[in-house]
Amino acid sequence: MSPKPADGATSADPQGYVTLVAELKQRIADARLRAALSVNRELVLLYRGSAETSFPVRRARAGASGVRASLETEP
């Protein structure tokens, strides 16, 4: 079974087929870009959330060690 011509493309219209394929390729490229941007956004949010969760703990530890060090050096 041969595929049906799409929107103005006929078997006698190779340029219509070429245009159709070019449009499909562009739509696929656009969809891939949107997907990549979406994935990157989600990863940034994930990493940012994990950093916000872990950095206060690190700051508290660093601050505590700084206080301890200053107490140890005071006369």
Protein backbone atom coordinates (compact mmCIF):
# COMPACT_ATOMS: atom_id res chain seq x y z
CA MET A 1 0.00 0.00 0.00
CA SER A 2 1.45 3.37 -0.95
CA PRO A 3 1.19 6.33 1.45
CA LYS A 4 -1.42 8.97 0.76
CA PRO A 5 -0.17 12.34 -0.45
CA ALA A 6 -0.27 15.04 2.21
CA ASP A 7 -1.64 18.56 1.83
CA GLY A 8 -1.12 19.29 -1.82
CA ALA A 9 1.63 16.74 -2.38
CA THR A 10 0.87 14.26 -5.10
CA SER A 11 2.88 11.43 -6.52
CA ALA A 12 3.59 13.73 -9.48
CA ASP A 13 4.72 16.52 -7.09
CA PRO A 14 8.14 15.61 -5.71
CA GLN A 15 8.68 19.14 -4.41
CA GLY A 16 5.61 18.77 -2.20
CA TYR A 17 7.12 15.61 -0.74
CA VAL A 18 10.46 17.34 -0.17
CA THR A 19 8.66 20.21 1.56
CA LEU A 20 6.67 17.79 3.71
CA VAL A 21 9.82 15.94 4.79
CA ALA A 22 11.60 19.23 5.54
CA GLU A 23 8.67 20.39 7.69
CA LEU A 24 8.61 17.09 9.56
CA LYS A 25 12.35 17.30 10.20
CA GLN A 26 11.93 20.83 11.56
CA ARG A 27 9.06 19.79 13.82
CA ILE A 28 11.15 16.90 15.15
CA ALA A 29 14.13 19.20 15.76
CA ASP A 30 11.86 21.70 17.57
CA ALA A 31 10.36 18.96 19.72
CA ARG A 32 13.82 17.65 20.61
CA LEU A 33 14.93 21.14 21.62
CA ARG A 34 11.85 21.65 23.79
CA ALA A 35 12.43 18.26 25.43
CA ALA A 36 16.10 19.02 26.10
CA LEU A 37 15.24 22.41 27.60
CA SER A 38 12.58 20.82 29.78
CA VAL A 39 14.96 18.14 31.03
CA ASN A 40 17.67 20.71 31.73
CA ARG A 41 15.22 22.88 33.64
CA GLU A 42 14.13 19.98 35.81
CA LEU A 43 17.74 18.99 36.51
CA VAL A 44 18.65 22.55 37.49
CA LEU A 45 15.70 22.67 39.87
CA LEU A 46 16.69 19.30 41.32
CA TYR A 47 20.32 20.29 41.85
CA ARG A 48 19.33 23.68 43.21
CA GLY A 49 16.94 22.06 45.67
CA SER A 50 19.56 19.59 46.84
CA ALA A 51 22.11 22.41 47.22
CA GLU A 52 19.67 24.46 49.29
CA THR A 53 19.10 21.42 51.47
CA SER A 54 22.76 20.55 52.00
CA PHE A 55 24.44 23.99 52.12
CA PRO A 56 22.75 25.24 55.32
CA VAL A 57 24.07 22.12 57.05
CA ARG A 58 27.56 22.79 55.67
CA ARG A 59 27.37 26.47 56.69
CA ALA A 60 26.30 25.51 60.19
CA ARG A 61 29.19 23.06 60.46
CA ALA A 62 31.65 25.61 59.08
CA GLY A 63 30.32 28.28 61.42
CA ALA A 64 30.56 25.97 64.41
CA SER A 65 34.14 25.04 63.59
CA GLY A 66 34.97 28.72 63.14
CA VAL A 67 33.53 29.52 66.57
CA ARG A 68 35.39 26.64 68.10
CA ALA A 69 38.64 27.75 66.49
CA SER A 70 38.21 31.31 67.73
CA LEU A 71 37.42 30.08 71.26
CA GLU A 72 40.48 27.89 71.23
CA THR A 73 42.77 30.77 70.26
CA GLU A 74 41.39 33.27 72.80
CA PRO A 75 43.42 33.63 75.99
